[in-house]
């Protein structure tokens, strides 16, 4: 689709000049992209540069990026619909971070390195000091955690095996009087291997929620690297082999756990950016289409191969940039339905921005007809097949199929429901509130696409290497961007309001 508006044409020329510089287009694979794709990548480059410091929730880098997004929305003629009629919907957070330099944790005399051997989840319950026996109790099912009072309990645990599905192990261990729980981060799912190191040991929670959750007994909680298990027990090999097979696991006593932990607390603010493209049909004014992406990333974290800024280029700067580009393309040209541009904060910390919007809407939830969410989009190989989360839940899925088919793209339901991706991004809080939704993943279809997908998850996902060096398939990126544009325009123009499939609305099953 040709670009619209003089402003976007100027942006395209600027992007062409930028990508002609060293380190520009040569970073990605394939032929030079068209002007529209160059303009999109220039926006992406700005949002995910080191100057934005990884756009961590509550950081100055995030605020700089949010200001850029708001400026672009204003230039495109969107209407601000944040708090008080501005562009921003600020959220006050409690930010708890383990001070790794001033903390230590040992089990059986073995010191564990934070973020590499163990990642802790700081909370108001995290103890300043701890001395307690440590025990491995298999999967920590109800039958395996008898008599654990006063002990740190290690559980084989990520992803949760079928035998404890639906069982809240942390809650059960707290009720049993355990001193803490460490889940072994097992090798993970085939499509999403668990990678170490983690960026940091930290939690971010809206202040109003953290105040309500305060109180109770101390409790240590975190994740244990399976590679560290061999230092804690001679049974490590048997445990990991049996756990991977879902077989019964032995019990093992791990010696004494001792800890001295310093957790720093800050109160920070971070904001959603919200803009509205008014509709042209007054009869459809209460049927806005939400297009969403998250601006936050991981910021600065544990260095990997010398890099400490987690730029988050594909996760999710590129798709905030796509919202910016779509706003510029539609400047002065509304669609029948209003379009709400929702750029959320705090997604990586618990979907907090979208949850906050649903809880404190600046646009009535009842007036939202559908949500099209951009996250988990990785244009690494030709776009032939899209996995669509929400494909059969509502008539939005039918529209997705029609638009994709017209562009030569096949669609499928989620082939990996065990990853629960439908509920792990900002579409989900809106869907829980009754808004039909959809999100997308580039599906794999041959050995080359599977290798590229796995390589990205192993080396780049939530790591500093998710940056501008990622080898993109330019044509795939352009194909997806145009699919998104066509889908949004179709959703805003289709005569009928989006409807849930029978029994598909969350809470009705």
Protein backbone atom coordinates (compact mmCIF):
# COMPACT_ATOMS: atom_id res chain seq x y z
CA UNK A 1 0.00 0.00 0.00
CA UNK A 2 1.34 3.42 -0.92
CA UNK A 3 2.19 5.80 1.89
CA UNK A 4 -0.20 8.64 2.52
CA UNK A 5 0.53 12.20 3.60
CA UNK A 6 3.46 14.54 3.06
CA UNK A 7 4.74 13.94 6.58
CA UNK A 8 5.13 10.25 5.99
CA UNK A 9 6.78 10.85 2.62
CA UNK A 10 9.37 13.02 4.34
CA UNK A 11 9.86 10.30 6.91
CA UNK A 12 10.43 7.80 4.12
CA UNK A 13 13.18 9.98 2.61
CA UNK A 14 14.80 10.40 6.01
CA UNK A 15 14.64 6.67 6.58
CA UNK A 16 16.29 5.99 3.24
CA UNK A 17 19.16 8.27 4.17
CA UNK A 18 19.47 6.68 7.60
CA UNK A 19 19.56 3.15 6.26
CA UNK A 20 22.22 4.11 3.75
CA UNK A 21 24.61 4.79 6.62
CA UNK A 22 26.99 2.07 7.90
CA UNK A 23 25.14 -0.35 10.14
CA UNK A 24 21.81 0.40 8.45
CA UNK A 25 20.16 -1.90 5.93
CA UNK A 26 23.14 -4.23 5.89
CA UNK A 27 22.08 -5.43 9.33
CA UNK A 28 19.10 -7.33 7.87
CA UNK A 29 18.96 -10.01 5.22
CA UNK A 30 17.45 -9.86 1.76
CA UNK A 31 16.97 -7.03 -0.74
CA UNK A 32 16.64 -3.40 0.30
CA UNK A 33 13.15 -2.78 1.63
CA UNK A 34 10.62 -0.51 -0.07
CA UNK A 35 10.12 3.07 1.13
CA UNK A 36 7.25 2.18 3.45
CA UNK A 37 9.26 -0.55 5.15
CA UNK A 38 12.28 1.75 5.41
CA UNK A 39 10.10 4.34 7.15
CA UNK A 40 8.84 1.72 9.59
CA UNK A 41 12.38 0.57 10.35
CA UNK A 42 13.53 4.14 10.96
CA UNK A 43 10.81 4.50 13.60
CA UNK A 44 11.87 1.17 15.07
CA UNK A 45 15.50 2.26 15.12
CA UNK A 46 14.62 5.38 17.11
CA UNK A 47 12.51 3.54 19.69
CA UNK A 48 15.00 0.71 20.24
CA UNK A 49 18.28 2.59 20.11
CA UNK A 50 20.62 2.56 23.09
CA UNK A 51 19.46 6.11 23.85
CA UNK A 52 16.15 4.62 25.05
CA UNK A 53 18.06 2.30 27.44
CA UNK A 54 15.72 -0.62 26.78
CA UNK A 55 12.55 1.32 27.77
CA UNK A 56 12.20 -0.33 31.16
CA UNK A 57 8.95 0.32 33.03
CA UNK A 58 9.46 3.38 35.23
CA UNK A 59 12.70 4.47 33.56
CA UNK A 60 13.73 7.73 31.93
CA UNK A 61 14.35 5.81 28.71
CA UNK A 62 10.74 4.63 28.69
CA UNK A 63 9.53 8.17 29.28
CA UNK A 64 11.62 9.44 26.35
CA UNK A 65 10.16 6.79 24.08
CA UNK A 66 6.60 7.50 25.29
CA UNK A 67 7.07 11.20 24.58
CA UNK A 68 8.14 10.36 21.01
CA UNK A 69 5.05 8.16 20.51
CA UNK A 70 2.74 10.90 21.83
CA UNK A 71 4.38 13.49 19.57
CA UNK A 72 3.86 11.25 16.53
CA UNK A 73 0.23 10.60 17.46
CA UNK A 74 -0.32 14.33 17.80
CA UNK A 75 1.30 15.00 14.42
CA UNK A 76 -1.03 12.42 12.86
CA UNK A 77 -4.06 14.26 14.22
CA UNK A 78 -5.17 11.65 16.75
CA UNK A 79 -7.24 12.80 19.71
CA UNK A 80 -5.55 12.31 23.12
CA UNK A 81 -7.64 10.05 25.36
CA UNK A 82 -5.36 9.48 28.33
CA UNK A 83 -6.00 10.60 31.90
CA UNK A 84 -7.48 14.08 32.05
CA UNK A 85 -7.66 14.33 28.29
CA UNK A 86 -3.90 14.09 27.76
CA UNK A 87 -1.85 11.51 25.88
CA UNK A 88 -0.71 9.59 28.95
CA UNK A 89 -2.38 7.32 31.47
CA UNK A 90 0.18 7.24 34.30
CA UNK A 91 0.43 4.31 36.71
CA UNK A 92 2.25 4.43 40.05
CA UNK A 93 4.33 1.31 40.65
CA UNK A 94 6.19 -0.27 43.52
CA UNK A 95 9.56 -1.42 42.16
CA UNK A 96 11.38 -4.02 44.26
CA UNK A 97 14.86 -5.03 43.17
CA UNK A 98 17.34 -7.39 44.76
CA UNK A 99 20.64 -5.63 45.37
CA UNK A 100 22.80 -8.48 44.07
CA UNK A 101 26.10 -6.93 45.22
CA UNK A 102 24.88 -6.78 48.82
CA UNK A 103 23.07 -10.12 48.89
CA UNK A 104 24.01 -13.79 49.00
CA UNK A 105 22.27 -17.16 48.91
CA UNK A 106 23.88 -20.51 49.68
CA UNK A 107 22.43 -24.02 49.66
CA UNK A 108 24.48 -26.85 51.09
CA UNK A 109 27.48 -24.51 51.29
CA UNK A 110 27.27 -23.74 47.55
CA UNK A 111 26.94 -20.05 46.73
CA UNK A 112 24.42 -19.39 43.97
CA UNK A 113 24.99 -16.54 41.53
CA UNK A 114 22.00 -14.28 41.17
CA UNK A 115 20.38 -14.24 37.71
CA UNK A 116 22.70 -17.01 36.51
CA UNK A 117 22.13 -19.83 39.02
CA UNK A 118 19.04 -18.44 40.68
CA UNK A 119 16.60 -15.62 40.04
CA UNK A 120 14.60 -14.31 42.98
CA UNK A 121 11.20 -12.62 42.86
CA UNK A 122 11.39 -9.85 45.48
CA UNK A 123 8.24 -9.04 47.42
CA UNK A 124 7.20 -7.61 50.77
CA UNK A 125 7.58 -11.18 52.07
CA UNK A 126 11.24 -11.60 51.05
CA UNK A 127 13.28 -12.20 54.23
CA UNK A 128 16.33 -10.09 55.04
CA UNK A 129 18.05 -13.14 56.49
CA UNK A 130 17.34 -16.85 56.26
CA UNK A 131 18.70 -20.03 57.81
CA UNK A 132 16.69 -23.15 57.07
CA UNK A 133 17.00 -26.72 55.77
CA UNK A 134 16.57 -27.11 52.02
CA UNK A 135 14.75 -30.07 50.51
CA UNK A 136 13.83 -31.22 47.01
CA UNK A 137 10.23 -32.50 46.89
CA UNK A 138 9.74 -33.60 43.31
CA UNK A 139 6.92 -31.74 41.56
CA UNK A 140 5.66 -30.39 44.92
CA UNK A 141 2.25 -31.92 44.42
CA UNK A 142 -0.03 -32.03 47.44
CA UNK A 143 1.20 -35.54 48.29
CA UNK A 144 4.89 -34.50 48.11
CA UNK A 145 4.94 -31.49 50.40
CA UNK A 146 3.95 -32.92 53.76
CA UNK A 147 5.99 -31.72 56.77
CA UNK A 148 7.88 -28.87 55.10
CA UNK A 149 7.38 -26.28 57.83
CA UNK A 150 10.43 -24.04 58.16
CA UNK A 151 12.15 -25.48 55.06
CA UNK A 152 13.14 -24.04 51.69
CA UNK A 153 11.47 -26.35 49.20
CA UNK A 154 12.89 -26.92 45.71
CA UNK A 155 10.36 -28.14 43.13
CA UNK A 156 10.72 -29.42 39.59
CA UNK A 157 8.67 -26.86 38.08
CA UNK A 158 8.80 -24.93 34.82
CA UNK A 159 6.73 -25.55 32.83
CA UNK A 160 4.33 -26.98 35.41
CA UNK A 161 3.89 -30.71 34.74
CA UNK A 162 0.43 -32.13 34.19
CA UNK A 163 0.35 -33.76 37.60
CA UNK A 164 0.24 -30.37 39.35
CA UNK A 165 -1.81 -28.49 36.76
CA UNK A 166 -4.09 -26.05 38.52
CA UNK A 167 -2.40 -26.62 41.89
CA UNK A 168 -1.00 -23.43 43.39
CA UNK A 169 2.25 -24.71 44.82
CA UNK A 170 3.40 -21.40 46.28
CA UNK A 171 0.11 -20.93 48.11
CA UNK A 172 0.14 -24.51 49.39
CA UNK A 173 3.73 -24.19 50.63
CA UNK A 174 2.96 -20.90 52.36
CA UNK A 175 0.00 -22.51 54.08
CA UNK A 176 2.24 -25.41 55.11
CA UNK A 177 4.65 -22.97 56.76
CA UNK A 178 7.54 -23.44 54.33
CA UNK A 179 10.30 -20.84 54.40
CA UNK A 180 10.41 -20.57 50.63
CA UNK A 181 10.07 -22.17 47.21
CA UNK A 182 12.53 -22.40 44.32
CA UNK A 183 11.19 -23.79 41.05
CA UNK A 184 13.69 -25.56 38.84
CA UNK A 185 13.46 -23.85 35.45
CA UNK A 186 13.33 -27.08 33.47
CA UNK A 187 14.57 -27.08 29.87
CA UNK A 188 11.20 -25.71 28.80
CA UNK A 189 8.91 -26.09 25.85
CA UNK A 190 10.26 -26.97 22.38
CA UNK A 191 9.30 -23.59 20.95
CA UNK A 192 10.41 -21.52 23.93
CA UNK A 193 13.57 -22.74 25.66
CA UNK A 194 14.35 -21.15 29.02
CA UNK A 195 17.48 -19.05 28.74
CA UNK A 196 19.93 -17.90 31.36
CA UNK A 197 20.96 -15.39 32.51
CA UNK A 198 17.82 -13.54 33.49
CA UNK A 199 18.01 -9.75 33.26
CA UNK A 200 17.60 -9.16 37.00
CA UNK A 201 15.82 -10.26 40.16
CA UNK A 202 13.05 -7.72 40.33
CA UNK A 203 9.30 -7.23 40.56
CA UNK A 204 7.13 -4.30 39.50
CA UNK A 205 3.54 -4.00 40.75
CA UNK A 206 0.97 -1.20 40.73
CA UNK A 207 1.25 0.47 44.10
CA UNK A 208 -2.42 0.07 44.94
CA UNK A 209 -2.11 -3.71 44.41
CA UNK A 210 1.14 -4.05 46.37
CA UNK A 211 -0.36 -2.21 49.36
CA UNK A 212 -3.27 -4.66 49.42
CA UNK A 213 -0.89 -7.64 49.21
CA UNK A 214 1.45 -6.50 52.01
CA UNK A 215 1.67 -8.48 55.24
CA UNK A 216 1.99 -12.13 56.11
CA UNK A 217 4.91 -14.38 56.96
CA UNK A 218 8.27 -14.12 55.20
CA UNK A 219 8.71 -16.35 52.17
CA UNK A 220 11.59 -16.71 49.71
CA UNK A 221 10.53 -17.29 46.12
CA UNK A 222 12.47 -17.72 42.91
CA UNK A 223 13.69 -19.86 40.02
CA UNK A 224 16.65 -22.25 40.00
CA UNK A 225 18.81 -22.94 36.95
CA UNK A 226 18.82 -26.71 36.32
CA UNK A 227 22.55 -26.46 35.52
CA UNK A 228 23.14 -25.46 39.15
CA UNK A 229 21.34 -28.51 40.53
CA UNK A 230 24.39 -30.77 40.14
CA UNK A 231 26.19 -28.62 42.72
CA UNK A 232 23.39 -29.23 45.21
CA UNK A 233 22.73 -32.97 44.87
CA UNK A 234 24.30 -36.06 43.32
CA UNK A 235 20.80 -37.01 42.13
CA UNK A 236 20.61 -34.04 39.74
CA UNK A 237 20.99 -36.12 36.59
CA UNK A 238 18.25 -38.54 37.62
CA UNK A 239 15.95 -35.66 38.61
CA UNK A 240 16.32 -33.82 35.31
CA UNK A 241 15.96 -36.92 33.17
CA UNK A 242 12.91 -38.15 35.04
CA UNK A 243 11.34 -34.71 35.18
CA UNK A 244 11.70 -34.26 31.43
CA UNK A 245 9.85 -37.55 30.99
CA UNK A 246 7.17 -36.68 33.55
CA UNK A 247 8.19 -39.69 35.64
CA UNK A 248 8.21 -40.00 39.42
CA UNK A 249 10.95 -38.01 41.13
CA UNK A 250 13.06 -38.86 44.17
CA UNK A 251 13.15 -36.79 47.33
CA UNK A 252 16.53 -35.26 48.18
CA UNK A 253 17.82 -33.33 51.17
CA UNK A 254 20.02 -30.45 50.05
CA UNK A 255 21.59 -29.27 53.28
CA UNK A 256 21.27 -25.88 54.88
CA UNK A 257 20.05 -22.80 53.04
CA UNK A 258 21.39 -19.49 54.26
CA UNK A 259 20.72 -16.05 52.86
CA UNK A 260 21.34 -12.39 53.50
CA UNK A 261 19.17 -10.38 51.13
CA UNK A 262 18.91 -6.66 50.50
CA UNK A 263 15.86 -5.53 48.54
CA UNK A 264 15.60 -1.90 47.47
CA UNK A 265 12.19 -0.28 47.08
CA UNK A 266 11.30 2.59 44.78
CA UNK A 267 8.01 4.15 43.86
CA UNK A 268 8.00 4.91 40.13
CA UNK A 269 5.55 6.02 37.47
CA UNK A 270 5.09 4.83 33.93
CA UNK A 271 2.33 5.64 31.48
CA UNK A 272 0.24 4.12 28.75
CA UNK A 273 0.01 6.30 25.63
CA UNK A 274 -3.54 6.52 24.28
CA UNK A 275 -4.82 8.22 21.13
CA UNK A 276 -8.05 8.00 19.17
CA UNK A 277 -8.71 8.27 15.44
CA UNK A 278 -12.36 9.40 15.43
CA UNK A 279 -14.78 7.44 13.28
CA UNK A 280 -16.74 8.86 10.37
CA UNK A 281 -20.04 7.01 10.99
CA UNK A 282 -21.91 8.32 14.06
CA UNK A 283 -23.91 5.07 14.22
CA UNK A 284 -20.65 3.16 14.91
CA UNK A 285 -19.18 5.59 17.44
CA UNK A 286 -19.58 3.03 20.24
CA UNK A 287 -17.67 0.31 18.34
CA UNK A 288 -14.01 1.36 18.48
CA UNK A 289 -11.31 -0.98 17.21
CA UNK A 290 -8.33 -1.16 19.57
CA UNK A 291 -4.89 -1.64 18.04
CA UNK A 292 -2.31 -2.33 20.72
CA UNK A 293 1.40 -2.91 21.31
CA UNK A 294 3.63 -2.61 24.37
CA UNK A 295 6.38 -0.02 24.60
CA UNK A 296 8.19 -1.35 27.67
CA UNK A 297 11.21 -3.65 27.56
CA UNK A 298 13.72 -4.95 30.10
CA UNK A 299 16.00 -1.94 30.22
CA UNK A 300 19.47 -2.52 31.63
CA UNK A 301 20.19 -5.97 32.95
CA UNK A 302 22.66 -8.78 33.41
CA UNK A 303 25.27 -8.46 30.64
CA UNK A 304 25.28 -11.08 27.88
CA UNK A 305 28.30 -11.19 25.55
CA UNK A 306 29.20 -7.71 26.72
CA UNK A 307 25.78 -6.16 26.13
CA UNK A 308 23.77 -4.85 29.09
CA UNK A 309 20.98 -2.92 27.31
CA UNK A 310 17.99 -5.11 26.47
CA UNK A 311 16.84 -3.05 23.47
CA UNK A 312 13.66 -5.00 22.70
CA UNK A 313 13.68 -4.22 18.99
CA UNK A 314 11.17 -6.89 17.94
CA UNK A 315 9.71 -7.15 21.44
CA UNK A 316 8.03 -4.75 20.95
CA UNK A 317 9.50 -1.48 19.61
CA UNK A 318 8.95 -2.49 15.98
CA UNK A 319 5.21 -2.86 16.49
CA UNK A 320 4.77 0.35 18.44
CA UNK A 321 6.51 1.85 15.40
CA UNK A 322 3.91 0.15 13.20
CA UNK A 323 1.13 1.85 15.18
CA UNK A 324 2.92 5.18 14.70
CA UNK A 325 3.17 4.53 10.98
CA UNK A 326 -0.47 3.54 10.68
CA UNK A 327 -1.50 6.74 12.50
CA UNK A 328 0.50 8.78 9.98
CA UNK A 329 -0.99 6.87 7.06
CA UNK A 330 -4.53 7.60 8.24
CA UNK A 331 -3.84 11.28 9.06
CA UNK A 332 -6.97 13.23 8.10
CA UNK A 333 -8.69 10.08 6.83
CA UNK A 334 -10.87 8.45 9.45
CA UNK A 335 -12.51 5.05 9.12
CA UNK A 336 -16.16 4.30 9.85
CA UNK A 337 -15.39 3.07 13.34
CA UNK A 338 -13.10 4.90 15.74
CA UNK A 339 -9.65 3.36 16.17
CA UNK A 340 -8.06 3.46 19.63
CA UNK A 341 -4.25 3.39 19.51
CA UNK A 342 -3.17 1.78 22.80
CA UNK A 343 0.55 1.72 23.60
CA UNK A 344 0.87 -0.08 26.92
CA UNK A 345 3.51 -0.03 29.64
CA UNK A 346 4.40 -2.84 32.05
CA UNK A 347 3.58 -5.74 29.72
CA UNK A 348 6.83 -7.53 30.50
CA UNK A 349 6.18 -7.16 34.23
CA UNK A 350 2.69 -8.69 34.26
CA UNK A 351 0.47 -7.01 31.61
CA UNK A 352 0.12 -4.14 34.06
CA UNK A 353 -0.58 -1.38 31.53
CA UNK A 354 -3.46 -3.20 29.83
CA UNK A 355 -4.80 -4.45 33.16
CA UNK A 356 -4.75 -0.89 34.49
CA UNK A 357 -6.56 0.42 31.41
CA UNK A 358 -9.30 -2.17 31.85
CA UNK A 359 -9.60 -1.34 35.55
CA UNK A 360 -9.45 2.44 34.99
CA UNK A 361 -10.72 2.92 31.41
CA UNK A 362 -10.35 6.32 29.78
CA UNK A 363 -12.62 5.07 26.98
CA UNK A 364 -15.65 2.99 28.06
CA UNK A 365 -14.91 -0.73 27.76
CA UNK A 366 -18.43 -1.29 26.44
CA UNK A 367 -17.58 0.93 23.46
CA UNK A 368 -14.68 -1.27 22.34
CA UNK A 369 -15.61 -3.70 19.57
CA UNK A 370 -12.34 -5.61 19.11
CA UNK A 371 -8.64 -5.61 20.00
CA UNK A 372 -5.88 -6.38 17.48
CA UNK A 373 -2.68 -6.88 19.45
CA UNK A 374 0.86 -6.74 18.06
CA UNK A 375 3.38 -8.72 20.10
CA UNK A 376 5.37 -11.91 19.49
CA UNK A 377 5.71 -10.97 15.78
CA UNK A 378 9.08 -12.12 14.42
CA UNK A 379 9.59 -11.55 10.64
CA UNK A 380 12.61 -13.84 10.36
CA UNK A 381 11.53 -15.93 7.33
CA UNK A 382 8.89 -15.69 4.58
CA UNK A 383 5.35 -15.13 5.81
CA UNK A 384 3.39 -18.12 4.55
CA UNK A 385 1.50 -19.18 7.68
CA UNK A 386 0.23 -17.19 10.67
CA UNK A 387 -0.72 -18.66 14.00
CA UNK A 388 -3.69 -16.61 15.19
CA UNK A 389 -4.53 -16.54 18.86
CA UNK A 390 -8.27 -15.96 19.02
CA UNK A 391 -8.92 -17.40 15.56
CA UNK A 392 -12.10 -19.27 16.54
CA UNK A 393 -13.16 -17.27 19.56
CA UNK A 394 -15.04 -14.56 17.65
CA UNK A 395 -15.99 -13.16 14.27
CA UNK A 396 -12.76 -11.15 14.38
CA UNK A 397 -11.03 -14.46 13.67
CA UNK A 398 -13.21 -14.92 10.59
CA UNK A 399 -12.15 -11.48 9.38
CA UNK A 400 -8.49 -12.31 10.03
CA UNK A 401 -8.86 -15.41 7.87
CA UNK A 402 -10.50 -13.46 5.04
CA UNK A 403 -7.85 -10.71 5.01
CA UNK A 404 -4.97 -13.18 5.28
CA UNK A 405 -6.33 -15.46 2.55
CA UNK A 406 -6.72 -12.51 0.19
CA UNK A 407 -3.02 -11.78 0.70
CA UNK A 408 -1.90 -15.39 0.18
CA UNK A 409 -1.27 -16.06 3.88
CA UNK A 410 -2.59 -19.26 5.47
CA UNK A 411 -3.76 -19.18 9.09
CA UNK A 412 -3.97 -21.77 11.82
CA UNK A 413 -5.03 -22.11 15.44
CA UNK A 414 -2.34 -22.25 18.10
CA UNK A 415 -0.37 -25.52 17.65
CA UNK A 416 1.32 -24.98 21.04
CA UNK A 417 -1.52 -24.34 23.52
CA UNK A 418 0.77 -25.41 26.36
CA UNK A 419 2.62 -22.09 25.98
CA UNK A 420 -0.63 -20.25 26.76
CA UNK A 421 0.35 -17.36 24.47
CA UNK A 422 -3.23 -16.08 24.15
CA UNK A 423 -3.14 -15.06 27.82
CA UNK A 424 0.40 -13.73 27.92
CA UNK A 425 0.00 -10.44 26.09
CA UNK A 426 -2.07 -7.27 26.26
CA UNK A 427 -5.01 -8.63 24.28
CA UNK A 428 -5.95 -10.86 27.21
CA UNK A 429 -7.09 -8.33 29.86
CA UNK A 430 -9.33 -6.75 27.23
CA UNK A 431 -10.67 -10.14 26.17
CA UNK A 432 -11.40 -10.96 29.81
CA UNK A 433 -13.36 -7.71 29.93
CA UNK A 434 -15.49 -8.87 26.98
CA UNK A 435 -13.65 -7.41 23.97
CA UNK A 436 -13.06 -9.95 21.15
CA UNK A 437 -9.36 -10.11 20.34
CA UNK A 438 -6.61 -11.56 18.22
CA UNK A 439 -2.81 -11.67 18.19
CA UNK A 440 -0.31 -13.29 15.87
CA UNK A 441 2.84 -15.42 15.63
CA UNK A 442 4.82 -16.19 12.47
CA UNK A 443 4.25 -19.95 12.26
CA UNK A 444 7.04 -22.29 11.20
CA UNK A 445 6.54 -24.63 8.26
CA UNK A 446 9.90 -26.17 7.33
CA UNK A 447 13.34 -26.91 8.78
CA UNK A 448 14.73 -23.46 7.93
CA UNK A 449 11.88 -21.54 9.56
CA UNK A 450 11.97 -23.77 12.64
CA UNK A 451 15.72 -23.25 12.98
CA UNK A 452 15.39 -19.45 12.66
CA UNK A 453 12.54 -19.33 15.17
CA UNK A 454 14.37 -21.44 17.74
CA UNK A 455 17.61 -19.51 17.25
CA UNK A 456 15.80 -16.25 17.99
CA UNK A 457 14.32 -17.63 21.20
CA UNK A 458 17.60 -19.15 22.32
CA UNK A 459 19.82 -16.13 21.64
CA UNK A 460 17.67 -13.00 21.44
CA UNK A 461 14.35 -13.28 23.29
CA UNK A 462 14.49 -11.07 26.40
CA UNK A 463 18.24 -10.68 25.86
CA UNK A 464 20.41 -7.78 24.66
CA UNK A 465 20.65 -9.40 21.21
CA UNK A 466 17.02 -8.47 20.48
CA UNK A 467 18.39 -5.37 18.82
CA UNK A 468 18.84 -3.79 15.40
CA UNK A 469 21.29 -6.53 14.39
CA UNK A 470 18.49 -9.11 14.13
CA UNK A 471 18.54 -10.56 10.59
CA UNK A 472 15.08 -9.75 9.27
CA UNK A 473 13.35 -11.02 6.17
CA UNK A 474 12.38 -7.63 4.76
CA UNK A 475 9.67 -9.02 2.52
CA UNK A 476 8.11 -10.89 5.43
CA UNK A 477 8.16 -7.72 7.52
CA UNK A 478 6.49 -5.75 4.72
CA UNK A 479 3.93 -8.51 4.14
CA UNK A 480 2.92 -8.58 7.79
CA UNK A 481 2.76 -4.80 8.10
CA UNK A 482 0.45 -4.58 5.11
CA UNK A 483 -1.65 -7.46 6.44
CA UNK A 484 -2.06 -5.56 9.72
CA UNK A 485 -3.03 -2.37 7.89
CA UNK A 486 -5.60 -4.21 5.78
CA UNK A 487 -7.01 -6.04 8.79
CA UNK A 488 -7.42 -2.87 10.87
CA UNK A 489 -9.09 -1.05 8.00
CA UNK A 490 -11.41 -4.01 7.39
CA UNK A 491 -12.32 -4.30 11.08
CA UNK A 492 -13.15 -0.59 11.19
CA UNK A 493 -15.30 -0.80 8.03
CA UNK A 494 -17.11 -4.15 8.26
CA UNK A 495 -20.89 -3.63 8.66
CA UNK A 496 -21.47 -6.03 11.54
CA UNK A 497 -20.15 -5.63 15.09
CA UNK A 498 -17.67 -8.29 16.18
CA UNK A 499 -19.36 -11.14 18.05
CA UNK A 500 -18.10 -13.92 20.28
CA UNK A 501 -18.54 -17.51 19.16
CA UNK A 502 -20.98 -19.43 21.39
CA UNK A 503 -19.32 -20.26 24.69
CA UNK A 504 -16.00 -18.68 23.66
CA UNK A 505 -16.10 -15.48 25.71
CA UNK A 506 -13.78 -15.81 28.73
CA UNK A 507 -15.72 -16.83 31.81
CA UNK A 508 -18.50 -18.58 29.89
CA UNK A 509 -16.85 -21.98 29.56
